[in-house]
Amino acid sequence: MLLVAVGSKNPVKVRATRSAFRAFFPSSRVVGVSVETGIPPQPVGWDQILEGAVKRAVGALEKVERSVFGVGIEAGIVPFPKTVSGYFDAQLAAIADRDGLITLGGARSSNTRPRWWRKSSSREWRLRRLWRG
């Protein structure tokens, strides 16, 4: 049996990892563990997103002694000029193995309005959107 450790107890991240690994390794077992990344709860920029994903993958591998792979999934926002909010959402996944190899993958990104940006009224949002056009 292939044991895979995910650097998060977030059920969505654990289920996603389980689904991906079982597609190739049907008898694999996936466990989630808490890992301290040292990055903010809302990572901003590729550097923080990458650091979070890698620290989660390596940390999970270190915590689960018999795991073959460690997986780290991190999402955040990336500055992206001339968009409504000025940001795109971004996700990276890192897979670390016992030989020290780390493989990275990413998902599609899209324009986002961070929660803290929604403080303005909907009319104000429309004006900003047209202005950045």
C-alpha atoms as a PDB file:
ATOM      1  CA  MET A   1       0.000   0.000   0.000  1.00  0.00           C
ATOM      2  CA  LEU A   2       1.229   3.471  -0.926  1.00  0.00           C
ATOM      3  CA  LEU A   3       0.987   5.920   1.983  1.00  0.00           C
ATOM      4  CA  VAL A   4       0.620   9.615   1.091  1.00  0.00           C
ATOM      5  CA  ALA A   5       0.717  12.453   3.624  1.00  0.00           C
ATOM      6  CA  VAL A   6      -1.023  15.773   2.965  1.00  0.00           C
ATOM      7  CA  GLY A   7       0.247  18.851   4.789  1.00  0.00           C
ATOM      8  CA  SER A   8      -3.230  19.911   5.854  1.00  0.00           C
ATOM      9  CA  LYS A   9      -6.241  18.614   7.746  1.00  0.00           C
ATOM     10  CA  ASN A  10      -8.536  20.556   5.415  1.00  0.00           C
ATOM     11  CA  PRO A  11     -10.998  17.886   4.204  1.00  0.00           C
ATOM     12  CA  VAL A  12     -11.170  19.406   0.702  1.00  0.00           C
ATOM     13  CA  LYS A  13      -7.383  19.158   0.259  1.00  0.00           C
ATOM     14  CA  VAL A  14      -7.284  15.620   1.678  1.00  0.00           C
ATOM     15  CA  ARG A  15     -10.151  14.447  -0.558  1.00  0.00           C
ATOM     16  CA  ALA A  16      -8.599  16.051  -3.638  1.00  0.00           C
ATOM     17  CA  THR A  17      -5.276  14.336  -2.948  1.00  0.00           C
ATOM     18  CA  ARG A  18      -6.999  11.004  -2.291  1.00  0.00           C
ATOM     19  CA  SER A  19      -8.916  11.283  -5.563  1.00  0.00           C
ATOM     20  CA  ALA A  20      -5.794  12.126  -7.565  1.00  0.00           C
ATOM     21  CA  PHE A  21      -3.620   9.363  -6.095  1.00  0.00           C
ATOM     22  CA  ARG A  22      -6.310   6.684  -6.269  1.00  0.00           C
ATOM     23  CA  ALA A  23      -6.692   7.339  -9.989  1.00  0.00           C
ATOM     24  CA  PHE A  24      -3.133   5.973 -10.396  1.00  0.00           C
ATOM     25  CA  PHE A  25      -2.666   3.944  -7.212  1.00  0.00           C
ATOM     26  CA  PRO A  26      -6.083   2.458  -6.303  1.00  0.00           C
ATOM     27  CA  SER A  27      -4.937   0.962  -2.992  1.00  0.00           C
ATOM     28  CA  SER A  28      -3.171   4.131  -1.774  1.00  0.00           C
ATOM     29  CA  ARG A  29      -3.919   5.546   1.657  1.00  0.00           C
ATOM     30  CA  VAL A  30      -3.977   9.331   2.161  1.00  0.00           C
ATOM     31  CA  VAL A  31      -3.726  11.001   5.574  1.00  0.00           C
ATOM     32  CA  GLY A  32      -3.863  14.673   6.467  1.00  0.00           C
ATOM     33  CA  VAL A  33      -1.569  16.195   9.089  1.00  0.00           C
ATOM     34  CA  SER A  34      -1.186  19.711  10.448  1.00  0.00           C
ATOM     35  CA  VAL A  35       1.942  21.477   9.232  1.00  0.00           C
ATOM     36  CA  GLU A  36       3.208  24.910  10.257  1.00  0.00           C
ATOM     37  CA  THR A  37       4.172  26.921   7.172  1.00  0.00           C
ATOM     38  CA  GLY A  38       5.021  30.290   8.660  1.00  0.00           C
ATOM     39  CA  ILE A  39       3.160  32.087   5.884  1.00  0.00           C
ATOM     40  CA  PRO A  40       0.079  34.296   6.375  1.00  0.00           C
ATOM     41  CA  PRO A  41      -3.419  32.735   6.293  1.00  0.00           C
ATOM     42  CA  GLN A  42      -3.998  34.582   2.981  1.00  0.00           C
ATOM     43  CA  PRO A  43      -0.783  34.234   0.973  1.00  0.00           C
ATOM     44  CA  VAL A  44      -0.115  37.116  -1.413  1.00  0.00           C
ATOM     45  CA  GLY A  45       2.204  36.568  -4.376  1.00  0.00           C
ATOM     46  CA  TRP A  46       3.772  33.542  -6.018  1.00  0.00           C
ATOM     47  CA  ASP A  47       6.639  33.419  -3.498  1.00  0.00           C
ATOM     48  CA  GLN A  48       4.334  32.913  -0.516  1.00  0.00           C
ATOM     49  CA  ILE A  49       2.100  30.454  -2.381  1.00  0.00           C
ATOM     50  CA  LEU A  50       5.103  28.403  -3.505  1.00  0.00           C
ATOM     51  CA  GLU A  51       6.690  28.502  -0.053  1.00  0.00           C
ATOM     52  CA  GLY A  52       3.446  27.318   1.541  1.00  0.00           C
ATOM     53  CA  ALA A  53       2.983  24.422  -0.893  1.00  0.00           C
ATOM     54  CA  VAL A  54       6.568  23.206  -0.525  1.00  0.00           C
ATOM     55  CA  LYS A  55       6.620  23.539   3.274  1.00  0.00           C
ATOM     56  CA  ARG A  56       3.346  21.616   3.487  1.00  0.00           C
ATOM     57  CA  ALA A  57       4.650  18.800   1.266  1.00  0.00           C
ATOM     58  CA  VAL A  58       8.011  18.444   3.024  1.00  0.00           C
ATOM     59  CA  GLY A  59       6.474  18.872   6.478  1.00  0.00           C
ATOM     60  CA  ALA A  60       3.881  16.171   5.804  1.00  0.00           C
ATOM     61  CA  LEU A  61       6.545  13.783   4.547  1.00  0.00           C
ATOM     62  CA  GLU A  62       8.596  14.384   7.707  1.00  0.00           C
ATOM     63  CA  LYS A  63       5.615  13.934  10.059  1.00  0.00           C
ATOM     64  CA  VAL A  64       4.319  10.675   8.578  1.00  0.00           C
ATOM     65  CA  GLU A  65       7.261   8.334   8.880  1.00  0.00           C
ATOM     66  CA  ARG A  66       6.174   5.616   6.428  1.00  0.00           C
ATOM     67  CA  SER A  67       4.737   7.938   3.777  1.00  0.00           C
ATOM     68  CA  VAL A  68       6.176   7.674   0.286  1.00  0.00           C
ATOM     69  CA  PHE A  69       5.002  11.119  -0.805  1.00  0.00           C
ATOM     70  CA  GLY A  70       4.163  14.383   0.921  1.00  0.00           C
ATOM     71  CA  VAL A  71       1.660  16.709  -0.716  1.00  0.00           C
ATOM     72  CA  GLY A  72       1.239  20.418  -0.140  1.00  0.00           C
ATOM     73  CA  ILE A  73      -1.592  22.465  -1.618  1.00  0.00           C
ATOM     74  CA  GLU A  74      -1.590  26.238  -1.221  1.00  0.00           C
ATOM     75  CA  ALA A  75      -3.889  28.901  -2.594  1.00  0.00           C
ATOM     76  CA  GLY A  76      -3.514  32.650  -2.488  1.00  0.00           C
ATOM     77  CA  ILE A  77      -3.829  35.807  -4.525  1.00  0.00           C
ATOM     78  CA  VAL A  78      -1.344  37.273  -6.988  1.00  0.00           C
ATOM     79  CA  PRO A  79      -1.187  40.945  -7.990  1.00  0.00           C
ATOM     80  CA  PHE A  80      -2.492  41.287 -11.541  1.00  0.00           C
ATOM     81  CA  PRO A  81      -2.762  44.841 -12.909  1.00  0.00           C
ATOM     82  CA  LYS A  82      -5.729  46.139 -14.893  1.00  0.00           C
ATOM     83  CA  THR A  83      -8.204  43.654 -13.420  1.00  0.00           C
ATOM     84  CA  VAL A  84     -11.258  44.610 -11.384  1.00  0.00           C
ATOM     85  CA  SER A  85      -9.619  43.809  -8.067  1.00  0.00           C
ATOM     86  CA  GLY A  86      -5.987  43.973  -9.103  1.00  0.00           C
ATOM     87  CA  TYR A  87      -5.571  40.282  -8.162  1.00  0.00           C
ATOM     88  CA  PHE A  88      -5.914  36.786  -9.591  1.00  0.00           C
ATOM     89  CA  ASP A  89      -6.455  33.751  -7.411  1.00  0.00           C
ATOM     90  CA  ALA A  90      -3.722  31.136  -7.742  1.00  0.00           C
ATOM     91  CA  GLN A  91      -3.153  27.578  -6.533  1.00  0.00           C
ATOM     92  CA  LEU A  92      -0.036  25.434  -6.454  1.00  0.00           C
ATOM     93  CA  ALA A  93       0.503  21.831  -5.412  1.00  0.00           C
ATOM     94  CA  ALA A  94       3.857  20.350  -4.451  1.00  0.00           C
ATOM     95  CA  ILE A  95       4.643  16.643  -4.214  1.00  0.00           C
ATOM     96  CA  ALA A  96       7.804  15.696  -2.324  1.00  0.00           C
ATOM     97  CA  ASP A  97       9.399  12.245  -2.231  1.00  0.00           C
ATOM     98  CA  ARG A  98      11.991  10.623   0.036  1.00  0.00           C
ATOM     99  CA  ASP A  99      14.788  11.276  -2.495  1.00  0.00           C
ATOM    100  CA  GLY A 100      14.299  15.031  -2.111  1.00  0.00           C
ATOM    101  CA  LEU A 101      12.552  15.548  -5.452  1.00  0.00           C
ATOM    102  CA  ILE A 102       9.771  18.138  -5.390  1.00  0.00           C
ATOM    103  CA  THR A 103       7.348  18.336  -8.293  1.00  0.00           C
ATOM    104  CA  LEU A 104       5.063  21.332  -8.753  1.00  0.00           C
ATOM    105  CA  GLY A 105       1.725  21.773 -10.468  1.00  0.00           C
ATOM    106  CA  GLY A 106      -0.717  24.623 -10.767  1.00  0.00           C
ATOM    107  CA  ALA A 107      -4.343  25.310 -11.538  1.00  0.00           C
ATOM    108  CA  ARG A 108      -6.024  27.871 -13.735  1.00  0.00           C
ATOM    109  CA  SER A 109      -6.350  31.324 -12.268  1.00  0.00           C
ATOM    110  CA  SER A 110      -9.071  33.905 -12.578  1.00  0.00           C
ATOM    111  CA  ASN A 111      -9.832  37.457 -11.567  1.00  0.00           C
ATOM    112  CA  THR A 112     -10.947  37.647  -7.982  1.00  0.00           C
ATOM    113  CA  ARG A 113     -12.364  40.143  -5.554  1.00  0.00           C
ATOM    114  CA  PRO A 114     -10.786  39.463  -2.175  1.00  0.00           C
ATOM    115  CA  ARG A 115     -13.249  39.610   0.735  1.00  0.00           C
ATOM    116  CA  TRP A 116     -11.575  42.669   2.187  1.00  0.00           C
ATOM    117  CA  TRP A 117     -12.077  44.507  -1.104  1.00  0.00           C
ATOM    118  CA  ARG A 118     -15.852  43.980  -1.016  1.00  0.00           C
ATOM    119  CA  LYS A 119     -16.234  46.759   1.554  1.00  0.00           C
ATOM    120  CA  SER A 120     -17.225  49.156  -1.194  1.00  0.00           C
ATOM    121  CA  SER A 121     -20.799  49.365  -2.453  1.00  0.00           C
ATOM    122  CA  SER A 122     -21.837  47.545  -5.588  1.00  0.00           C
ATOM    123  CA  ARG A 123     -22.210  50.869  -7.438  1.00  0.00           C
ATOM    124  CA  GLU A 124     -18.669  51.840  -6.461  1.00  0.00           C
ATOM    125  CA  TRP A 125     -17.431  48.442  -7.660  1.00  0.00           C
ATOM    126  CA  ARG A 126     -19.026  49.001 -11.066  1.00  0.00           C
ATOM    127  CA  LEU A 127     -17.372  52.413 -11.381  1.00  0.00           C
ATOM    128  CA  ARG A 128     -13.970  50.966 -10.505  1.00  0.00           C
ATOM    129  CA  ARG A 129     -14.465  48.147 -12.976  1.00  0.00           C
ATOM    130  CA  LEU A 130     -15.288  50.532 -15.808  1.00  0.00           C
ATOM    131  CA  TRP A 131     -12.373  52.773 -14.928  1.00  0.00           C
ATOM    132  CA  ARG A 132      -9.862  49.904 -15.029  1.00  0.00           C
ATOM    133  CA  GLY A 133     -11.613  48.674 -18.160  1.00  0.00           C
END
